[in-house]
């Protein structure tokens, strides 16, 4: 009988909640975080989420990049100094944000405890009836009303996987019927017939935006190699081009 190895993850509200879990689990000092150990634990958690096919939120990826950046800065042989010449701790900003998050979390937990206590004093007797009315009005199963973010991520991944199996994306590349070399010849022929042609006249007959773009690039190339020269006129912001011999 084959046993299947399963990974079980705790559910965290966000990356800072995960970092606080590591700090409290190992009884670490927020002001003196062992950045190497915390980074390794954080990346290991993200790897386990990837093995469960759970799409990583951008906040987790951002914090992981921040941890790696702090670790790299701490490995530099020359530390950064502030205006007073004192060494700047790369962990200071992260520690301040963690302390602020911890204060907000403590307040949230206190408010939640007060809410639960209040509900225990005056229980709502019509809660089930309200859920039933919401279920009937929305036309959904009642179980879906209790779905959390963790389950939504799993459902989303499954839906995307099923959709990718049914829908095959086909990319069609259509080459443009223009080239810079061909537009160089166009400019040379157009300017060779006349001594001076205004900039607007070179583009007035174009109906395709890409043809104008290729022509402009060819014009810049010819100006760079010296095959064209610009001649200004008396009118403001009006100039023309001349083919150099």
C-alpha atoms as a PDB file:
ATOM      1  CA  UNK A   1       0.000   0.000   0.000  1.00  0.00           C
ATOM      2  CA  UNK A   2       1.490   3.334  -1.094  1.00  0.00           C
ATOM      3  CA  UNK A   3       1.281   6.190   1.348  1.00  0.00           C
ATOM      4  CA  UNK A   4       0.856   9.697  -0.075  1.00  0.00           C
ATOM      5  CA  UNK A   5       2.924  12.411   1.539  1.00  0.00           C
ATOM      6  CA  UNK A   6       0.757  15.435   2.294  1.00  0.00           C
ATOM      7  CA  UNK A   7       1.862  18.946   3.170  1.00  0.00           C
ATOM      8  CA  UNK A   8      -0.300  20.819   5.637  1.00  0.00           C
ATOM      9  CA  UNK A   9       0.064  24.575   5.872  1.00  0.00           C
ATOM     10  CA  UNK A  10      -1.162  26.982   8.486  1.00  0.00           C
ATOM     11  CA  UNK A  11      -3.304  29.781   7.127  1.00  0.00           C
ATOM     12  CA  UNK A  12      -1.953  33.291   7.442  1.00  0.00           C
ATOM     13  CA  UNK A  13      -3.645  36.595   6.664  1.00  0.00           C
ATOM     14  CA  UNK A  14      -0.570  37.893   4.832  1.00  0.00           C
ATOM     15  CA  UNK A  15       3.240  37.842   4.677  1.00  0.00           C
ATOM     16  CA  UNK A  16       3.696  39.921   7.848  1.00  0.00           C
ATOM     17  CA  UNK A  17       1.432  37.508   9.723  1.00  0.00           C
ATOM     18  CA  UNK A  18       3.728  34.694   8.549  1.00  0.00           C
ATOM     19  CA  UNK A  19       6.871  36.576   9.628  1.00  0.00           C
ATOM     20  CA  UNK A  20       5.399  37.231  13.085  1.00  0.00           C
ATOM     21  CA  UNK A  21       4.603  33.524  13.373  1.00  0.00           C
ATOM     22  CA  UNK A  22       8.249  32.630  12.730  1.00  0.00           C
ATOM     23  CA  UNK A  23       9.470  35.269  15.201  1.00  0.00           C
ATOM     24  CA  UNK A  24       7.085  34.218  17.979  1.00  0.00           C
ATOM     25  CA  UNK A  25       7.677  30.509  17.315  1.00  0.00           C
ATOM     26  CA  UNK A  26      11.451  30.856  17.738  1.00  0.00           C
ATOM     27  CA  UNK A  27      11.153  33.579  20.426  1.00  0.00           C
ATOM     28  CA  UNK A  28      13.194  36.034  18.390  1.00  0.00           C
ATOM     29  CA  UNK A  29      13.766  39.738  18.977  1.00  0.00           C
ATOM     30  CA  UNK A  30      12.039  41.827  16.290  1.00  0.00           C
ATOM     31  CA  UNK A  31      14.744  44.500  16.642  1.00  0.00           C
ATOM     32  CA  UNK A  32      17.478  41.898  15.996  1.00  0.00           C
ATOM     33  CA  UNK A  33      16.004  39.555  13.404  1.00  0.00           C
ATOM     34  CA  UNK A  34      18.287  36.709  12.184  1.00  0.00           C
ATOM     35  CA  UNK A  35      17.545  37.578   8.583  1.00  0.00           C
ATOM     36  CA  UNK A  36      19.116  34.413   7.134  1.00  0.00           C
ATOM     37  CA  UNK A  37      16.935  32.043   9.183  1.00  0.00           C
ATOM     38  CA  UNK A  38      13.748  34.072   8.614  1.00  0.00           C
ATOM     39  CA  UNK A  39      14.392  34.251   4.864  1.00  0.00           C
ATOM     40  CA  UNK A  40      14.952  30.496   4.633  1.00  0.00           C
ATOM     41  CA  UNK A  41      11.724  29.755   6.555  1.00  0.00           C
ATOM     42  CA  UNK A  42       9.748  32.247   4.450  1.00  0.00           C
ATOM     43  CA  UNK A  43      10.996  30.835   1.120  1.00  0.00           C
ATOM     44  CA  UNK A  44      10.342  27.289   2.346  1.00  0.00           C
ATOM     45  CA  UNK A  45       6.728  28.216   3.101  1.00  0.00           C
ATOM     46  CA  UNK A  46       6.334  29.717  -0.390  1.00  0.00           C
ATOM     47  CA  UNK A  47       7.791  26.539  -1.908  1.00  0.00           C
ATOM     48  CA  UNK A  48       5.220  24.431  -0.052  1.00  0.00           C
ATOM     49  CA  UNK A  49       2.442  26.711  -1.349  1.00  0.00           C
ATOM     50  CA  UNK A  50       3.761  26.168  -4.885  1.00  0.00           C
ATOM     51  CA  UNK A  51       3.739  22.372  -4.356  1.00  0.00           C
ATOM     52  CA  UNK A  52       0.060  22.636  -3.388  1.00  0.00           C
ATOM     53  CA  UNK A  53      -0.581  24.514  -6.656  1.00  0.00           C
ATOM     54  CA  UNK A  54      -1.681  27.604  -4.750  1.00  0.00           C
ATOM     55  CA  UNK A  55      -1.052  30.840  -6.588  1.00  0.00           C
ATOM     56  CA  UNK A  56       1.213  33.096  -4.543  1.00  0.00           C
ATOM     57  CA  UNK A  57      -0.169  36.528  -3.754  1.00  0.00           C
ATOM     58  CA  UNK A  58       1.943  39.465  -4.871  1.00  0.00           C
ATOM     59  CA  UNK A  59       2.394  40.561  -1.230  1.00  0.00           C
ATOM     60  CA  UNK A  60       4.252  37.321  -0.409  1.00  0.00           C
ATOM     61  CA  UNK A  61       6.518  37.695  -3.459  1.00  0.00           C
ATOM     62  CA  UNK A  62       7.266  41.318  -2.567  1.00  0.00           C
ATOM     63  CA  UNK A  63       8.190  40.485   1.026  1.00  0.00           C
ATOM     64  CA  UNK A  64      10.362  37.569  -0.152  1.00  0.00           C
ATOM     65  CA  UNK A  65      12.234  39.934  -2.479  1.00  0.00           C
ATOM     66  CA  UNK A  66      12.622  42.418   0.394  1.00  0.00           C
ATOM     67  CA  UNK A  67      14.090  39.741   2.679  1.00  0.00           C
ATOM     68  CA  UNK A  68      16.579  38.662   0.015  1.00  0.00           C
ATOM     69  CA  UNK A  69      17.549  42.300  -0.599  1.00  0.00           C
ATOM     70  CA  UNK A  70      18.143  42.876   3.130  1.00  0.00           C
ATOM     71  CA  UNK A  71      20.234  39.724   3.330  1.00  0.00           C
ATOM     72  CA  UNK A  72      22.341  40.869   0.352  1.00  0.00           C
ATOM     73  CA  UNK A  73      22.883  44.316   1.910  1.00  0.00           C
ATOM     74  CA  UNK A  74      24.041  42.720   5.168  1.00  0.00           C
ATOM     75  CA  UNK A  75      26.615  40.656   3.263  1.00  0.00           C
ATOM     76  CA  UNK A  76      28.216  43.718   1.683  1.00  0.00           C
ATOM     77  CA  UNK A  77      31.721  44.406   3.066  1.00  0.00           C
ATOM     78  CA  UNK A  78      31.057  48.124   3.389  1.00  0.00           C
ATOM     79  CA  UNK A  79      28.008  49.009   5.506  1.00  0.00           C
ATOM     80  CA  UNK A  80      25.803  51.984   4.659  1.00  0.00           C
ATOM     81  CA  UNK A  81      26.201  55.072   6.862  1.00  0.00           C
ATOM     82  CA  UNK A  82      23.717  57.798   7.720  1.00  0.00           C
ATOM     83  CA  UNK A  83      24.363  61.549   7.797  1.00  0.00           C
ATOM     84  CA  UNK A  84      25.908  61.272  11.268  1.00  0.00           C
ATOM     85  CA  UNK A  85      28.314  58.579  10.069  1.00  0.00           C
ATOM     86  CA  UNK A  86      26.586  55.779  11.982  1.00  0.00           C
ATOM     87  CA  UNK A  87      25.958  52.403  10.407  1.00  0.00           C
ATOM     88  CA  UNK A  88      22.440  51.858   8.983  1.00  0.00           C
ATOM     89  CA  UNK A  89      20.835  48.560   9.936  1.00  0.00           C
ATOM     90  CA  UNK A  90      19.160  47.151   6.753  1.00  0.00           C
ATOM     91  CA  UNK A  91      16.613  45.397   9.010  1.00  0.00           C
ATOM     92  CA  UNK A  92      15.394  48.597  10.695  1.00  0.00           C
ATOM     93  CA  UNK A  93      12.582  49.379   8.246  1.00  0.00           C
ATOM     94  CA  UNK A  94      11.321  45.783   8.272  1.00  0.00           C
ATOM     95  CA  UNK A  95      11.392  45.689  12.073  1.00  0.00           C
ATOM     96  CA  UNK A  96       9.407  48.945  12.295  1.00  0.00           C
ATOM     97  CA  UNK A  97       6.760  47.629   9.904  1.00  0.00           C
ATOM     98  CA  UNK A  98       6.512  44.348  11.818  1.00  0.00           C
ATOM     99  CA  UNK A  99       6.040  46.196  15.127  1.00  0.00           C
ATOM    100  CA  UNK A 100       3.315  48.355  13.598  1.00  0.00           C
ATOM    101  CA  UNK A 101       1.583  45.298  12.145  1.00  0.00           C
ATOM    102  CA  UNK A 102       1.828  43.532  15.511  1.00  0.00           C
ATOM    103  CA  UNK A 103       0.106  46.468  17.245  1.00  0.00           C
ATOM    104  CA  UNK A 104      -2.736  46.479  14.709  1.00  0.00           C
ATOM    105  CA  UNK A 105      -3.093  42.702  14.994  1.00  0.00           C
ATOM    106  CA  UNK A 106      -3.289  42.929  18.793  1.00  0.00           C
ATOM    107  CA  UNK A 107      -6.048  45.539  18.547  1.00  0.00           C
ATOM    108  CA  UNK A 108      -7.924  43.422  15.995  1.00  0.00           C
ATOM    109  CA  UNK A 109      -7.736  40.351  18.210  1.00  0.00           C
ATOM    110  CA  UNK A 110      -8.967  42.376  21.181  1.00  0.00           C
ATOM    111  CA  UNK A 111     -11.923  43.708  19.182  1.00  0.00           C
ATOM    112  CA  UNK A 112     -12.713  40.203  17.955  1.00  0.00           C
ATOM    113  CA  UNK A 113     -12.710  38.900  21.535  1.00  0.00           C
ATOM    114  CA  UNK A 114     -15.051  41.716  22.560  1.00  0.00           C
ATOM    115  CA  UNK A 115     -17.357  40.889  19.636  1.00  0.00           C
ATOM    116  CA  UNK A 116     -17.470  37.201  20.558  1.00  0.00           C
ATOM    117  CA  UNK A 117     -18.163  38.076  24.175  1.00  0.00           C
ATOM    118  CA  UNK A 118     -20.960  40.418  23.154  1.00  0.00           C
ATOM    119  CA  UNK A 119     -22.504  37.792  20.919  1.00  0.00           C
ATOM    120  CA  UNK A 120     -22.418  35.277  23.744  1.00  0.00           C
ATOM    121  CA  UNK A 121     -24.415  37.681  25.909  1.00  0.00           C
ATOM    122  CA  UNK A 122     -27.075  38.365  23.292  1.00  0.00           C
ATOM    123  CA  UNK A 123     -27.110  35.481  20.807  1.00  0.00           C
ATOM    124  CA  UNK A 124     -28.904  36.050  17.544  1.00  0.00           C
ATOM    125  CA  UNK A 125     -31.707  33.572  17.256  1.00  0.00           C
ATOM    126  CA  UNK A 126     -32.539  34.323  13.635  1.00  0.00           C
ATOM    127  CA  UNK A 127     -29.067  33.803  12.133  1.00  0.00           C
ATOM    128  CA  UNK A 128     -29.922  30.566  10.329  1.00  0.00           C
ATOM    129  CA  UNK A 129     -33.043  32.118   8.845  1.00  0.00           C
ATOM    130  CA  UNK A 130     -31.019  35.059   7.546  1.00  0.00           C
ATOM    131  CA  UNK A 131     -28.462  32.738   5.928  1.00  0.00           C
ATOM    132  CA  UNK A 132     -31.295  30.824   4.293  1.00  0.00           C
ATOM    133  CA  UNK A 133     -32.820  34.016   2.864  1.00  0.00           C
ATOM    134  CA  UNK A 134     -29.434  35.127   1.513  1.00  0.00           C
ATOM    135  CA  UNK A 135     -28.900  31.694  -0.018  1.00  0.00           C
ATOM    136  CA  UNK A 136     -32.297  31.749  -1.737  1.00  0.00           C
ATOM    137  CA  UNK A 137     -31.888  35.327  -2.987  1.00  0.00           C
ATOM    138  CA  UNK A 138     -28.442  34.643  -4.492  1.00  0.00           C
ATOM    139  CA  UNK A 139     -29.220  31.160  -5.736  1.00  0.00           C
ATOM    140  CA  UNK A 140     -26.072  29.583  -4.245  1.00  0.00           C
ATOM    141  CA  UNK A 141     -25.339  26.786  -1.814  1.00  0.00           C
ATOM    142  CA  UNK A 142     -24.997  27.826   1.797  1.00  0.00           C
ATOM    143  CA  UNK A 143     -21.563  26.176   2.026  1.00  0.00           C
ATOM    144  CA  UNK A 144     -20.199  28.768  -0.383  1.00  0.00           C
ATOM    145  CA  UNK A 145     -21.066  31.549   2.061  1.00  0.00           C
ATOM    146  CA  UNK A 146     -18.305  30.304   4.376  1.00  0.00           C
ATOM    147  CA  UNK A 147     -15.510  30.065   1.819  1.00  0.00           C
ATOM    148  CA  UNK A 148     -12.309  31.805   2.963  1.00  0.00           C
ATOM    149  CA  UNK A 149      -9.423  33.237   0.932  1.00  0.00           C
ATOM    150  CA  UNK A 150      -7.415  30.007   1.149  1.00  0.00           C
ATOM    151  CA  UNK A 151     -10.228  27.974  -0.426  1.00  0.00           C
ATOM    152  CA  UNK A 152     -10.904  30.638  -3.053  1.00  0.00           C
ATOM    153  CA  UNK A 153      -7.277  30.416  -4.213  1.00  0.00           C
ATOM    154  CA  UNK A 154      -7.597  26.657  -4.614  1.00  0.00           C
ATOM    155  CA  UNK A 155     -10.890  26.971  -6.531  1.00  0.00           C
ATOM    156  CA  UNK A 156      -9.404  29.673  -8.754  1.00  0.00           C
ATOM    157  CA  UNK A 157      -6.391  27.507  -9.611  1.00  0.00           C
ATOM    158  CA  UNK A 158      -8.660  24.558 -10.451  1.00  0.00           C
ATOM    159  CA  UNK A 159     -10.865  26.749 -12.659  1.00  0.00           C
ATOM    160  CA  UNK A 160      -7.854  28.140 -14.535  1.00  0.00           C
ATOM    161  CA  UNK A 161      -6.476  24.624 -15.023  1.00  0.00           C
ATOM    162  CA  UNK A 162      -9.790  23.403 -16.459  1.00  0.00           C
ATOM    163  CA  UNK A 163     -10.077  26.433 -18.701  1.00  0.00           C
ATOM    164  CA  UNK A 164      -6.545  26.024 -20.074  1.00  0.00           C
ATOM    165  CA  UNK A 165      -7.358  22.428 -21.028  1.00  0.00           C
ATOM    166  CA  UNK A 166     -10.451  23.461 -23.002  1.00  0.00           C
ATOM    167  CA  UNK A 167      -9.135  26.617 -24.645  1.00  0.00           C
ATOM    168  CA  UNK A 168      -6.079  26.425 -26.857  1.00  0.00           C
ATOM    169  CA  UNK A 169      -4.419  29.756 -27.440  1.00  0.00           C
ATOM    170  CA  UNK A 170      -3.249  30.262 -31.013  1.00  0.00           C
ATOM    171  CA  UNK A 171      -0.856  33.072 -31.812  1.00  0.00           C
ATOM    172  CA  UNK A 172      -0.860  34.320 -35.385  1.00  0.00           C
ATOM    173  CA  UNK A 173       2.053  36.477 -36.500  1.00  0.00           C
ATOM    174  CA  UNK A 174       1.332  38.689 -39.506  1.00  0.00           C
ATOM    175  CA  UNK A 175       4.436  40.233 -41.091  1.00  0.00           C
ATOM    176  CA  UNK A 176       4.164  43.838 -42.205  1.00  0.00           C
ATOM    177  CA  UNK A 177       4.535  44.467 -45.955  1.00  0.00           C
ATOM    178  CA  UNK A 178       7.106  47.192 -45.226  1.00  0.00           C
ATOM    179  CA  UNK A 179      10.797  47.337 -44.426  1.00  0.00           C
ATOM    180  CA  UNK A 180      13.246  50.085 -43.583  1.00  0.00           C
ATOM    181  CA  UNK A 181      15.263  49.275 -46.705  1.00  0.00           C
ATOM    182  CA  UNK A 182      12.201  49.640 -48.946  1.00  0.00           C
ATOM    183  CA  UNK A 183      11.254  52.947 -47.329  1.00  0.00           C
ATOM    184  CA  UNK A 184      14.821  54.212 -47.814  1.00  0.00           C
ATOM    185  CA  UNK A 185      14.366  53.605 -51.529  1.00  0.00           C
ATOM    186  CA  UNK A 186      10.982  55.371 -51.380  1.00  0.00           C
ATOM    187  CA  UNK A 187      12.550  58.457 -49.788  1.00  0.00           C
ATOM    188  CA  UNK A 188      15.461  58.461 -52.198  1.00  0.00           C
ATOM    189  CA  UNK A 189      13.161  58.276 -55.245  1.00  0.00           C
ATOM    190  CA  UNK A 190      10.766  60.879 -53.837  1.00  0.00           C
ATOM    191  CA  UNK A 191      13.494  63.357 -52.967  1.00  0.00           C
ATOM    192  CA  UNK A 192      15.544  62.725 -56.091  1.00  0.00           C
ATOM    193  CA  UNK A 193      12.713  64.007 -58.255  1.00  0.00           C
ATOM    194  CA  UNK A 194      12.592  67.348 -56.405  1.00  0.00           C
ATOM    195  CA  UNK A 195      15.214  69.454 -54.734  1.00  0.00           C
ATOM    196  CA  UNK A 196      13.126  70.115 -51.622  1.00  0.00           C
ATOM    197  CA  UNK A 197      10.175  68.271 -50.073  1.00  0.00           C
ATOM    198  CA  UNK A 198       8.412  69.269 -46.855  1.00  0.00           C
ATOM    199  CA  UNK A 199       8.087  66.805 -44.028  1.00  0.00           C
ATOM    200  CA  UNK A 200       4.267  66.749 -44.308  1.00  0.00           C
ATOM    201  CA  UNK A 201       4.369  65.960 -48.046  1.00  0.00           C
ATOM    202  CA  UNK A 202       6.321  62.760 -47.420  1.00  0.00           C
ATOM    203  CA  UNK A 203       3.516  61.349 -45.275  1.00  0.00           C
ATOM    204  CA  UNK A 204       0.357  62.887 -46.749  1.00  0.00           C
ATOM    205  CA  UNK A 205      -0.505  59.910 -48.972  1.00  0.00           C
ATOM    206  CA  UNK A 206      -0.018  57.217 -46.302  1.00  0.00           C
ATOM    207  CA  UNK A 207      -3.147  55.392 -45.135  1.00  0.00           C
ATOM    208  CA  UNK A 208      -1.342  52.837 -42.961  1.00  0.00           C
ATOM    209  CA  UNK A 209       0.206  53.905 -39.649  1.00  0.00           C
ATOM    210  CA  UNK A 210       2.898  51.214 -39.859  1.00  0.00           C
ATOM    211  CA  UNK A 211       3.995  52.482 -43.279  1.00  0.00           C
ATOM    212  CA  UNK A 212       4.507  55.932 -41.750  1.00  0.00           C
ATOM    213  CA  UNK A 213       6.495  54.447 -38.859  1.00  0.00           C
ATOM    214  CA  UNK A 214       8.808  52.481 -41.155  1.00  0.00           C
ATOM    215  CA  UNK A 215       9.282  55.589 -43.295  1.00  0.00           C
ATOM    216  CA  UNK A 216      10.176  57.704 -40.273  1.00  0.00           C
ATOM    217  CA  UNK A 217      12.714  55.116 -39.092  1.00  0.00           C
ATOM    218  CA  UNK A 218      14.250  55.011 -42.562  1.00  0.00           C
ATOM    219  CA  UNK A 219      14.420  58.821 -42.523  1.00  0.00           C
ATOM    220  CA  UNK A 220      16.269  58.819 -39.187  1.00  0.00           C
ATOM    221  CA  UNK A 221      18.728  56.247 -40.494  1.00  0.00           C
ATOM    222  CA  UNK A 222      19.432  58.282 -43.645  1.00  0.00           C
ATOM    223  CA  UNK A 223      19.951  61.422 -41.576  1.00  0.00           C
ATOM    224  CA  UNK A 224      22.381  59.573 -39.326  1.00  0.00           C
ATOM    225  CA  UNK A 225      24.549  58.329 -42.226  1.00  0.00           C
ATOM    226  CA  UNK A 226      24.400  61.726 -43.951  1.00  0.00           C
ATOM    227  CA  UNK A 227      22.242  60.864 -46.974  1.00  0.00           C
ATOM    228  CA  UNK A 228      19.623  63.462 -46.014  1.00  0.00           C
ATOM    229  CA  UNK A 229      19.801  66.981 -44.698  1.00  0.00           C
ATOM    230  CA  UNK A 230      17.142  69.080 -42.985  1.00  0.00           C
ATOM    231  CA  UNK A 231      16.318  72.544 -44.261  1.00  0.00           C
ATOM    232  CA  UNK A 232      14.188  74.895 -42.180  1.00  0.00           C
ATOM    233  CA  UNK A 233      11.727  77.380 -43.628  1.00  0.00           C
ATOM    234  CA  UNK A 234      10.530  80.801 -42.535  1.00  0.00           C
ATOM    235  CA  UNK A 235       7.289  79.454 -41.092  1.00  0.00           C
ATOM    236  CA  UNK A 236       7.369  78.364 -37.446  1.00  0.00           C
ATOM    237  CA  UNK A 237       7.962  74.634 -36.848  1.00  0.00           C
ATOM    238  CA  UNK A 238       8.026  73.869 -40.583  1.00  0.00           C
ATOM    239  CA  UNK A 239      10.953  72.160 -42.248  1.00  0.00           C
ATOM    240  CA  UNK A 240      11.797  70.026 -45.248  1.00  0.00           C
ATOM    241  CA  UNK A 241      14.267  67.417 -46.423  1.00  0.00           C
ATOM    242  CA  UNK A 242      16.816  67.395 -49.190  1.00  0.00           C
ATOM    243  CA  UNK A 243      18.739  64.452 -50.651  1.00  0.00           C
ATOM    244  CA  UNK A 244      22.476  64.996 -50.359  1.00  0.00           C
ATOM    245  CA  UNK A 245      24.611  64.264 -53.368  1.00  0.00           C
END
